[in-house]
Amino acid sequence: SDATLNPGGVRIGTAEIYRYVEQLDEVLESIAIGQDWDNDVRVVL
């Protein structure tokens, strides 16, 4: 829960992103964070 992303105040579990990105043939692995930006949080992959 401390790694969940919060863009626009909506909670997102990082595992949901990894699940689909890491199925792509080109991608070996990934990590996602929330970056504080413009009085909100943006998702960085």
All heavy atoms as atom14 arrays in JSON, in Angstrom:
{
  "sequence": "SDATLNPGGVRIGTAEIYRYVEQLDEVLESIAIGQDWDNDVRVVL",
  "atom14_mask": [
    [1, 1, 1, 1, 1, 1, 0, 0, 0, 0, 0, 0, 0, 0],
    [1, 1, 1, 1, 1, 1, 1, 1, 0, 0, 0, 0, 0, 0],
    [1, 1, 1, 1, 1, 0, 0, 0, 0, 0, 0, 0, 0, 0],
    [1, 1, 1, 1, 1, 1, 1, 0, 0, 0, 0, 0, 0, 0],
    [1, 1, 1, 1, 1, 1, 1, 1, 0, 0, 0, 0, 0, 0],
    [1, 1, 1, 1, 1, 1, 1, 1, 0, 0, 0, 0, 0, 0],
    [1, 1, 1, 1, 1, 1, 1, 0, 0, 0, 0, 0, 0, 0],
    [1, 1, 1, 1, 0, 0, 0, 0, 0, 0, 0, 0, 0, 0],
    [1, 1, 1, 1, 0, 0, 0, 0, 0, 0, 0, 0, 0, 0],
    [1, 1, 1, 1, 1, 1, 1, 0, 0, 0, 0, 0, 0, 0],
    [1, 1, 1, 1, 1, 1, 1, 1, 1, 1, 1, 0, 0, 0],
    [1, 1, 1, 1, 1, 1, 1, 1, 0, 0, 0, 0, 0, 0],
    [1, 1, 1, 1, 0, 0, 0, 0, 0, 0, 0, 0, 0, 0],
    [1, 1, 1, 1, 1, 1, 1, 0, 0, 0, 0, 0, 0, 0],
    [1, 1, 1, 1, 1, 0, 0, 0, 0, 0, 0, 0, 0, 0],
    [1, 1, 1, 1, 1, 1, 1, 1, 1, 0, 0, 0, 0, 0],
    [1, 1, 1, 1, 1, 1, 1, 1, 0, 0, 0, 0, 0, 0],
    [1, 1, 1, 1, 1, 1, 1, 1, 1, 1, 1, 1, 0, 0],
    [1, 1, 1, 1, 1, 1, 1, 1, 1, 1, 1, 0, 0, 0],
    [1, 1, 1, 1, 1, 1, 1, 1, 1, 1, 1, 1, 0, 0],
    [1, 1, 1, 1, 1, 1, 1, 0, 0, 0, 0, 0, 0, 0],
    [1, 1, 1, 1, 1, 1, 1, 1, 1, 0, 0, 0, 0, 0],
    [1, 1, 1, 1, 1, 1, 1, 1, 1, 0, 0, 0, 0, 0],
    [1, 1, 1, 1, 1, 1, 1, 1, 0, 0, 0, 0, 0, 0],
    [1, 1, 1, 1, 1, 1, 1, 1, 0, 0, 0, 0, 0, 0],
    [1, 1, 1, 1, 1, 1, 1, 1, 1, 0, 0, 0, 0, 0],
    [1, 1, 1, 1, 1, 1, 1, 0, 0, 0, 0, 0, 0, 0],
    [1, 1, 1, 1, 1, 1, 1, 1, 0, 0, 0, 0, 0, 0],
    [1, 1, 1, 1, 1, 1, 1, 1, 1, 0, 0, 0, 0, 0],
    [1, 1, 1, 1, 1, 1, 0, 0, 0, 0, 0, 0, 0, 0],
    [1, 1, 1, 1, 1, 1, 1, 1, 0, 0, 0, 0, 0, 0],
    [1, 1, 1, 1, 1, 0, 0, 0, 0, 0, 0, 0, 0, 0],
    [1, 1, 1, 1, 1, 1, 1, 1, 0, 0, 0, 0, 0, 0],
    [1, 1, 1, 1, 0, 0, 0, 0, 0, 0, 0, 0, 0, 0],
    [1, 1, 1, 1, 1, 1, 1, 1, 1, 0, 0, 0, 0, 0],
    [1, 1, 1, 1, 1, 1, 1, 1, 0, 0, 0, 0, 0, 0],
    [1, 1, 1, 1, 1, 1, 1, 1, 1, 1, 1, 1, 1, 1],
    [1, 1, 1, 1, 1, 1, 1, 1, 0, 0, 0, 0, 0, 0],
    [1, 1, 1, 1, 1, 1, 1, 1, 0, 0, 0, 0, 0, 0],
    [1, 1, 1, 1, 1, 1, 1, 1, 0, 0, 0, 0, 0, 0],
    [1, 1, 1, 1, 1, 1, 1, 0, 0, 0, 0, 0, 0, 0],
    [1, 1, 1, 1, 1, 1, 1, 1, 1, 1, 1, 0, 0, 0],
    [1, 1, 1, 1, 1, 1, 1, 0, 0, 0, 0, 0, 0, 0],
    [1, 1, 1, 1, 1, 1, 1, 0, 0, 0, 0, 0, 0, 0],
    [1, 1, 1, 1, 1, 1, 1, 1, 0, 0, 0, 0, 0, 0]
  ],
  "atom14_positions": [
    [[0.81, -1.21, 0.0], [0.0, 0.0, 0.0], [0.84, 1.27, 0.0], [0.42, 2.28, -0.54], [-1.01, 0.01, 1.14], [-0.55, -0.62, 2.28], [0.0, 0.0, 0.0], [0.0, 0.0, 0.0], [0.0, 0.0, 0.0], [0.0, 0.0, 0.0], [0.0, 0.0, 0.0], [0.0, 0.0, 0.0], [0.0, 0.0, 0.0], [0.0, 0.0, 0.0]],
    [[2.08, 1.21, 0.55], [2.9, 2.43, 0.54], [3.51, 2.68, -0.84], [4.09, 3.73, -1.1], [3.98, 2.41, 1.62], [4.89, 1.19, 1.55], [4.83, 0.44, 0.56], [5.69, 0.99, 2.49], [0.0, 0.0, 0.0], [0.0, 0.0, 0.0], [0.0, 0.0, 0.0], [0.0, 0.0, 0.0], [0.0, 0.0, 0.0], [0.0, 0.0, 0.0]],
    [[3.38, 1.69, -1.77], [3.88, 1.89, -3.14], [2.74, 2.16, -4.12], [2.98, 2.29, -5.32], [4.67, 0.66, -3.59], [0.0, 0.0, 0.0], [0.0, 0.0, 0.0], [0.0, 0.0, 0.0], [0.0, 0.0, 0.0], [0.0, 0.0, 0.0], [0.0, 0.0, 0.0], [0.0, 0.0, 0.0], [0.0, 0.0, 0.0], [0.0, 0.0, 0.0]],
    [[1.49, 2.24, -3.62], [0.38, 2.51, -4.54], [0.54, 3.91, -5.13], [1.11, 4.81, -4.51], [-0.99, 2.41, -3.84], [-0.98, 3.25, -2.69], [-1.31, 1.0, -3.43], [0.0, 0.0, 0.0], [0.0, 0.0, 0.0], [0.0, 0.0, 0.0], [0.0, 0.0, 0.0], [0.0, 0.0, 0.0], [0.0, 0.0, 0.0], [0.0, 0.0, 0.0]],
    [[0.03, 4.07, -6.34], [0.11, 5.34, -7.05], [-1.2, 6.09, -6.83], [-2.25, 5.48, -6.68], [0.34, 5.08, -8.54], [1.49, 4.1, -8.83], [1.53, 3.74, -10.31], [2.82, 4.71, -8.4], [0.0, 0.0, 0.0], [0.0, 0.0, 0.0], [0.0, 0.0, 0.0], [0.0, 0.0, 0.0], [0.0, 0.0, 0.0], [0.0, 0.0, 0.0]],
    [[-1.13, 7.42, -6.84], [-2.32, 8.2, -6.49], [-2.63, 9.33, -7.47], [-2.88, 10.44, -7.05], [-2.09, 8.82, -5.1], [-3.16, 8.39, -4.12], [-4.11, 7.74, -4.51], [-3.01, 8.76, -2.87], [0.0, 0.0, 0.0], [0.0, 0.0, 0.0], [0.0, 0.0, 0.0], [0.0, 0.0, 0.0], [0.0, 0.0, 0.0], [0.0, 0.0, 0.0]],
    [[-2.62, 9.09, -8.79], [-2.91, 10.19, -9.71], [-4.35, 10.65, -9.59], [-5.28, 9.83, -9.59], [-2.64, 9.57, -11.09], [-2.84, 8.11, -10.9], [-2.44, 7.81, -9.49], [0.0, 0.0, 0.0], [0.0, 0.0, 0.0], [0.0, 0.0, 0.0], [0.0, 0.0, 0.0], [0.0, 0.0, 0.0], [0.0, 0.0, 0.0], [0.0, 0.0, 0.0]],
    [[-4.54, 11.96, -9.44], [-5.89, 12.49, -9.31], [-6.63, 11.97, -8.1], [-7.85, 11.98, -8.06], [0.0, 0.0, 0.0], [0.0, 0.0, 0.0], [0.0, 0.0, 0.0], [0.0, 0.0, 0.0], [0.0, 0.0, 0.0], [0.0, 0.0, 0.0], [0.0, 0.0, 0.0], [0.0, 0.0, 0.0], [0.0, 0.0, 0.0], [0.0, 0.0, 0.0]],
    [[-5.87, 11.48, -7.09], [-6.48, 10.99, -5.86], [-7.05, 9.58, -5.96], [-7.7, 9.1, -5.04], [0.0, 0.0, 0.0], [0.0, 0.0, 0.0], [0.0, 0.0, 0.0], [0.0, 0.0, 0.0], [0.0, 0.0, 0.0], [0.0, 0.0, 0.0], [0.0, 0.0, 0.0], [0.0, 0.0, 0.0], [0.0, 0.0, 0.0], [0.0, 0.0, 0.0]],
    [[-6.81, 8.89, -7.1], [-7.3, 7.52, -7.28], [-6.17, 6.54, -7.0], [-5.09, 6.63, -7.6], [-7.84, 7.31, -8.72], [-8.27, 5.86, -8.92], [-8.99, 8.26, -9.0], [0.0, 0.0, 0.0], [0.0, 0.0, 0.0], [0.0, 0.0, 0.0], [0.0, 0.0, 0.0], [0.0, 0.0, 0.0], [0.0, 0.0, 0.0], [0.0, 0.0, 0.0]],
    [[-6.38, 5.57, -6.11], [-5.32, 4.63, -5.73], [-5.18, 3.53, -6.79], [-6.16, 2.92, -7.2], [-5.61, 3.97, -4.38], [-5.5, 4.91, -3.22], [-5.65, 4.17, -1.91], [-4.42, 3.48, -1.54], [-4.33, 2.69, -0.47], [-5.37, 2.47, 0.29], [-3.18, 2.1, -0.18], [0.0, 0.0, 0.0], [0.0, 0.0, 0.0], [0.0, 0.0, 0.0]],
    [[-3.93, 3.29, -7.19], [-3.63, 2.27, -8.2], [-2.53, 1.37, -7.66], [-1.49, 1.86, -7.21], [-3.15, 2.94, -9.51], [-4.29, 3.74, -10.16], [-2.6, 1.91, -10.48], [-3.82, 4.61, -11.31], [0.0, 0.0, 0.0], [0.0, 0.0, 0.0], [0.0, 0.0, 0.0], [0.0, 0.0, 0.0], [0.0, 0.0, 0.0], [0.0, 0.0, 0.0]],
    [[-2.74, 0.06, -7.69], [-1.7, -0.89, -7.29], [-0.71, -1.08, -8.44], [-1.11, -1.29, -9.59], [0.0, 0.0, 0.0], [0.0, 0.0, 0.0], [0.0, 0.0, 0.0], [0.0, 0.0, 0.0], [0.0, 0.0, 0.0], [0.0, 0.0, 0.0], [0.0, 0.0, 0.0], [0.0, 0.0, 0.0], [0.0, 0.0, 0.0], [0.0, 0.0, 0.0]],
    [[0.57, -1.0, -8.13], [1.6, -1.1, -9.19], [1.55, -2.45, -9.9], [1.88, -2.54, -11.08], [3.0, -0.88, -8.61], [3.16, -1.74, -7.46], [3.21, 0.55, -8.18], [0.0, 0.0, 0.0], [0.0, 0.0, 0.0], [0.0, 0.0, 0.0], [0.0, 0.0, 0.0], [0.0, 0.0, 0.0], [0.0, 0.0, 0.0], [0.0, 0.0, 0.0]],
    [[1.14, -3.51, -9.2], [1.11, -4.85, -9.81], [0.18, -4.89, -11.02], [0.39, -5.68, -11.95], [0.68, -5.89, -8.78], [0.0, 0.0, 0.0], [0.0, 0.0, 0.0], [0.0, 0.0, 0.0], [0.0, 0.0, 0.0], [0.0, 0.0, 0.0], [0.0, 0.0, 0.0], [0.0, 0.0, 0.0], [0.0, 0.0, 0.0], [0.0, 0.0, 0.0]],
    [[-0.85, -4.04, -11.02], [-1.77, -4.0, -12.16], [-1.05, -3.56, -13.43], [-1.31, -4.05, -14.52], [-2.93, -3.06, -11.86], [-3.77, -3.48, -10.66], [-4.77, -2.4, -10.27], [-5.86, -2.36, -10.88], [-4.48, -1.59, -9.38], [0.0, 0.0, 0.0], [0.0, 0.0, 0.0], [0.0, 0.0, 0.0], [0.0, 0.0, 0.0], [0.0, 0.0, 0.0]],
    [[-0.12, -2.6, -13.27], [0.65, -2.11, -14.43], [1.67, -3.16, -14.86], [1.78, -3.49, -16.05], [1.34, -0.78, -14.08], [0.29, 0.31, -13.84], [2.32, -0.36, -15.18], [0.84, 1.64, -13.37], [0.0, 0.0, 0.0], [0.0, 0.0, 0.0], [0.0, 0.0, 0.0], [0.0, 0.0, 0.0], [0.0, 0.0, 0.0], [0.0, 0.0, 0.0]],
    [[2.42, -3.7, -13.9], [3.47, -4.69, -14.24], [2.87, -5.89, -14.97], [3.47, -6.44, -15.89], [4.19, -5.18, -12.98], [4.8, -4.09, -12.12], [4.91, -4.26, -10.74], [5.24, -2.91, -12.67], [5.46, -3.27, -9.94], [5.79, -1.9, -11.88], [5.89, -2.1, -10.51], [6.44, -1.12, -9.72], [0.0, 0.0, 0.0], [0.0, 0.0, 0.0]],
    [[1.7, -6.28, -14.57], [1.06, -7.48, -15.13], [0.98, -7.4, -16.65], [1.28, -8.36, -17.35], [-0.34, -7.61, -14.54], [-1.15, -8.69, -15.21], [-2.59, -8.7, -14.73], [-3.36, -9.68, -15.48], [-4.67, -9.85, -15.36], [-5.36, -9.12, -14.5], [-5.29, -10.76, -16.1], [0.0, 0.0, 0.0], [0.0, 0.0, 0.0], [0.0, 0.0, 0.0]],
    [[0.6, -6.25, -17.17], [0.39, -6.14, -18.62], [1.64, -5.7, -19.36], [1.92, -6.2, -20.45], [-0.79, -5.2, -18.89], [-2.07, -5.78, -18.33], [-2.67, -5.24, -17.19], [-2.64, -6.91, -18.91], [-3.82, -5.81, -16.66], [-3.79, -7.49, -18.38], [-4.38, -6.93, -17.26], [-5.5, -7.51, -16.73], [0.0, 0.0, 0.0], [0.0, 0.0, 0.0]],
    [[2.4, -4.8, -18.76], [3.61, -4.32, -19.43], [4.61, -5.47, -19.63], [5.23, -5.61, -20.69], [4.27, -3.18, -18.61], [5.64, -2.82, -19.18], [3.37, -1.96, -18.6], [0.0, 0.0, 0.0], [0.0, 0.0, 0.0], [0.0, 0.0, 0.0], [0.0, 0.0, 0.0], [0.0, 0.0, 0.0], [0.0, 0.0, 0.0], [0.0, 0.0, 0.0]],
    [[4.74, -6.32, -18.61], [5.76, -7.37, -18.67], [5.34, -8.56, -19.54], [6.12, -9.48, -19.74], [6.16, -7.79, -17.25], [6.89, -6.65, -16.55], [7.27, -6.92, -15.11], [7.23, -8.08, -14.68], [7.62, -5.94, -14.4], [0.0, 0.0, 0.0], [0.0, 0.0, 0.0], [0.0, 0.0, 0.0], [0.0, 0.0, 0.0], [0.0, 0.0, 0.0]],
    [[4.1, -8.51, -20.05], [3.7, -9.52, -21.05], [4.21, -9.16, -22.44], [4.26, -10.01, -23.32], [2.18, -9.61, -21.11], [1.58, -10.43, -19.99], [0.08, -10.51, -20.16], [-0.4, -11.07, -21.13], [-0.65, -9.93, -19.23], [0.0, 0.0, 0.0], [0.0, 0.0, 0.0], [0.0, 0.0, 0.0], [0.0, 0.0, 0.0], [0.0, 0.0, 0.0]],
    [[4.56, -7.9, -22.66], [5.04, -7.47, -23.98], [6.39, -8.11, -24.28], [7.26, -8.19, -23.41], [5.16, -5.94, -24.03], [3.84, -5.17, -23.81], [4.1, -3.67, -23.72], [2.85, -5.46, -24.94], [0.0, 0.0, 0.0], [0.0, 0.0, 0.0], [0.0, 0.0, 0.0], [0.0, 0.0, 0.0], [0.0, 0.0, 0.0], [0.0, 0.0, 0.0]],
    [[6.55, -8.57, -25.51], [7.78, -9.27, -25.9], [9.02, -8.41, -25.68], [10.09, -8.92, -25.37], [7.72, -9.68, -27.38], [6.7, -10.79, -27.6], [6.4, -11.52, -26.63], [6.22, -10.92, -28.73], [0.0, 0.0, 0.0], [0.0, 0.0, 0.0], [0.0, 0.0, 0.0], [0.0, 0.0, 0.0], [0.0, 0.0, 0.0], [0.0, 0.0, 0.0]],
    [[8.87, -7.09, -25.85], [10.05, -6.2, -25.8], [10.52, -5.93, -24.37], [11.67, -5.51, -24.15], [9.71, -4.85, -26.45], [9.3, -4.93, -27.9], [7.8, -5.13, -28.09], [7.12, -5.58, -27.14], [7.31, -4.83, -29.19], [0.0, 0.0, 0.0], [0.0, 0.0, 0.0], [0.0, 0.0, 0.0], [0.0, 0.0, 0.0], [0.0, 0.0, 0.0]],
    [[9.63, -6.13, -23.38], [9.92, -5.69, -22.01], [10.35, -6.87, -21.13], [9.65, -7.88, -21.05], [8.68, -5.0, -21.38], [8.98, -4.59, -19.94], [8.29, -3.78, -22.21], [0.0, 0.0, 0.0], [0.0, 0.0, 0.0], [0.0, 0.0, 0.0], [0.0, 0.0, 0.0], [0.0, 0.0, 0.0], [0.0, 0.0, 0.0], [0.0, 0.0, 0.0]],
    [[11.5, -6.71, -20.47], [11.99, -7.73, -19.55], [11.34, -7.55, -18.18], [10.79, -8.47, -17.6], [13.52, -7.63, -19.45], [14.25, -8.82, -18.87], [14.01, -10.07, -19.71], [15.75, -8.53, -18.79], [0.0, 0.0, 0.0], [0.0, 0.0, 0.0], [0.0, 0.0, 0.0], [0.0, 0.0, 0.0], [0.0, 0.0, 0.0], [0.0, 0.0, 0.0]],
    [[11.4, -6.31, -17.66], [10.75, -6.01, -16.37], [10.56, -4.5, -16.26], [11.06, -3.73, -17.08], [11.56, -6.56, -15.19], [12.99, -6.12, -15.13], [13.75, -6.77, -13.99], [13.13, -7.5, -13.19], [14.96, -6.53, -13.87], [0.0, 0.0, 0.0], [0.0, 0.0, 0.0], [0.0, 0.0, 0.0], [0.0, 0.0, 0.0], [0.0, 0.0, 0.0]],
    [[9.81, -4.09, -15.22], [9.47, -2.68, -15.09], [9.29, -2.29, -13.63], [9.13, -3.14, -12.75], [8.18, -2.39, -15.88], [7.12, -3.2, -15.4], [0.0, 0.0, 0.0], [0.0, 0.0, 0.0], [0.0, 0.0, 0.0], [0.0, 0.0, 0.0], [0.0, 0.0, 0.0], [0.0, 0.0, 0.0], [0.0, 0.0, 0.0], [0.0, 0.0, 0.0]],
    [[9.3, -0.98, -13.4], [9.02, -0.45, -12.06], [8.3, 0.88, -12.23], [8.67, 1.69, -13.1], [10.33, -0.3, -11.22], [10.01, 0.07, -9.77], [11.3, 0.69, -11.84], [11.22, -0.07, -8.83], [0.0, 0.0, 0.0], [0.0, 0.0, 0.0], [0.0, 0.0, 0.0], [0.0, 0.0, 0.0], [0.0, 0.0, 0.0], [0.0, 0.0, 0.0]],
    [[7.24, 1.1, -11.44], [6.44, 2.31, -11.56], [6.44, 3.08, -10.25], [6.38, 2.47, -9.17], [5.0, 1.96, -11.96], [0.0, 0.0, 0.0], [0.0, 0.0, 0.0], [0.0, 0.0, 0.0], [0.0, 0.0, 0.0], [0.0, 0.0, 0.0], [0.0, 0.0, 0.0], [0.0, 0.0, 0.0], [0.0, 0.0, 0.0], [0.0, 0.0, 0.0]],
    [[6.49, 4.41, -10.34], [6.41, 5.26, -9.15], [5.47, 6.43, -9.44], [5.14, 6.7, -10.59], [7.79, 5.82, -8.73], [8.36, 6.72, -9.85], [8.76, 4.72, -8.38], [9.24, 7.83, -9.34], [0.0, 0.0, 0.0], [0.0, 0.0, 0.0], [0.0, 0.0, 0.0], [0.0, 0.0, 0.0], [0.0, 0.0, 0.0], [0.0, 0.0, 0.0]],
    [[5.08, 7.11, -8.37], [4.35, 8.36, -8.51], [5.3, 9.53, -8.29], [5.97, 9.59, -7.26], [0.0, 0.0, 0.0], [0.0, 0.0, 0.0], [0.0, 0.0, 0.0], [0.0, 0.0, 0.0], [0.0, 0.0, 0.0], [0.0, 0.0, 0.0], [0.0, 0.0, 0.0], [0.0, 0.0, 0.0], [0.0, 0.0, 0.0], [0.0, 0.0, 0.0]],
    [[5.38, 10.45, -9.26], [6.22, 11.64, -9.12], [5.34, 12.84, -8.81], [4.35, 13.09, -9.51], [7.01, 11.91, -10.41], [7.95, 13.11, -10.28], [8.5, 13.59, -11.62], [7.99, 13.22, -12.68], [9.54, 14.42, -11.58], [0.0, 0.0, 0.0], [0.0, 0.0, 0.0], [0.0, 0.0, 0.0], [0.0, 0.0, 0.0], [0.0, 0.0, 0.0]],
    [[5.68, 13.58, -7.76], [4.94, 14.8, -7.43], [5.12, 15.78, -8.58], [6.27, 16.11, -8.96], [5.47, 15.42, -6.12], [5.25, 14.49, -4.93], [4.36, 13.63, -5.01], [6.0, 14.61, -3.94], [0.0, 0.0, 0.0], [0.0, 0.0, 0.0], [0.0, 0.0, 0.0], [0.0, 0.0, 0.0], [0.0, 0.0, 0.0], [0.0, 0.0, 0.0]],
    [[3.99, 16.27, -9.13], [4.1, 17.14, -10.31], [2.86, 18.02, -10.43], [1.74, 17.52, -10.46], [4.24, 16.28, -11.58], [4.62, 17.1, -12.78], [3.78, 17.54, -13.78], [5.92, 17.6, -13.09], [4.49, 18.28, -14.69], [5.8, 18.33, -14.29], [7.17, 17.5, -12.47], [6.9, 18.98, -14.89], [8.25, 18.13, -13.05], [8.12, 18.85, -14.25]],
    [[3.08, 19.32, -10.47], [2.01, 20.27, -10.75], [0.83, 20.08, -9.79], [-0.33, 19.95, -10.2], [1.56, 20.09, -12.21], [0.83, 21.32, -12.75], [0.98, 22.39, -12.13], [0.13, 21.19, -13.77], [0.0, 0.0, 0.0], [0.0, 0.0, 0.0], [0.0, 0.0, 0.0], [0.0, 0.0, 0.0], [0.0, 0.0, 0.0], [0.0, 0.0, 0.0]],
    [[1.15, 20.03, -8.49], [0.14, 19.88, -7.43], [-0.67, 18.59, -7.52], [-1.8, 18.51, -7.05], [-0.83, 21.08, -7.4], [-0.09, 22.36, -7.11], [0.75, 22.41, -6.21], [-0.37, 23.4, -7.89], [0.0, 0.0, 0.0], [0.0, 0.0, 0.0], [0.0, 0.0, 0.0], [0.0, 0.0, 0.0], [0.0, 0.0, 0.0], [0.0, 0.0, 0.0]],
    [[-0.11, 17.59, -8.19], [-0.76, 16.28, -8.3], [0.37, 15.24, -8.31], [1.51, 15.54, -7.96], [-1.59, 16.23, -9.6], [-2.58, 15.05, -9.61], [-2.61, 14.28, -8.63], [-3.3, 14.89, -10.61], [0.0, 0.0, 0.0], [0.0, 0.0, 0.0], [0.0, 0.0, 0.0], [0.0, 0.0, 0.0], [0.0, 0.0, 0.0], [0.0, 0.0, 0.0]],
    [[0.02, 14.03, -8.69], [1.01, 12.95, -8.83], [0.87, 12.39, -10.24], [-0.25, 12.14, -10.71], [0.74, 11.83, -7.79], [1.65, 10.63, -8.05], [0.93, 12.35, -6.38], [0.0, 0.0, 0.0], [0.0, 0.0, 0.0], [0.0, 0.0, 0.0], [0.0, 0.0, 0.0], [0.0, 0.0, 0.0], [0.0, 0.0, 0.0], [0.0, 0.0, 0.0]],
    [[2.01, 12.22, -10.92], [1.94, 11.59, -12.24], [2.66, 10.25, -12.2], [3.64, 10.06, -11.47], [2.52, 12.49, -13.33], [4.01, 12.76, -13.24], [4.45, 13.67, -14.39], [5.89, 13.93, -14.33], [6.54, 14.74, -15.19], [5.87, 15.36, -16.15], [7.84, 14.92, -15.08], [0.0, 0.0, 0.0], [0.0, 0.0, 0.0], [0.0, 0.0, 0.0]],
    [[2.15, 9.29, -12.98], [2.72, 7.95, -13.02], [3.94, 7.94, -13.95], [3.85, 8.39, -15.1], [1.68, 6.92, -13.51], [2.31, 5.52, -13.6], [0.47, 6.91, -12.59], [0.0, 0.0, 0.0], [0.0, 0.0, 0.0], [0.0, 0.0, 0.0], [0.0, 0.0, 0.0], [0.0, 0.0, 0.0], [0.0, 0.0, 0.0], [0.0, 0.0, 0.0]],
    [[5.06, 7.45, -13.42], [6.29, 7.3, -14.21], [6.63, 5.81, -14.26], [6.7, 5.15, -13.22], [7.46, 8.1, -13.6], [8.72, 7.9, -14.43], [7.11, 9.58, -13.5], [0.0, 0.0, 0.0], [0.0, 0.0, 0.0], [0.0, 0.0, 0.0], [0.0, 0.0, 0.0], [0.0, 0.0, 0.0], [0.0, 0.0, 0.0], [0.0, 0.0, 0.0]],
    [[6.81, 5.31, -15.48], [7.13, 3.89, -15.67], [8.54, 3.76, -16.24], [8.86, 4.35, -17.28], [6.13, 3.25, -16.64], [6.38, 1.77, -16.97], [6.1, 0.89, -15.74], [5.5, 1.33, -18.14], [0.0, 0.0, 0.0], [0.0, 0.0, 0.0], [0.0, 0.0, 0.0], [0.0, 0.0, 0.0], [0.0, 0.0, 0.0], [0.0, 0.0, 0.0]]
  ]
}
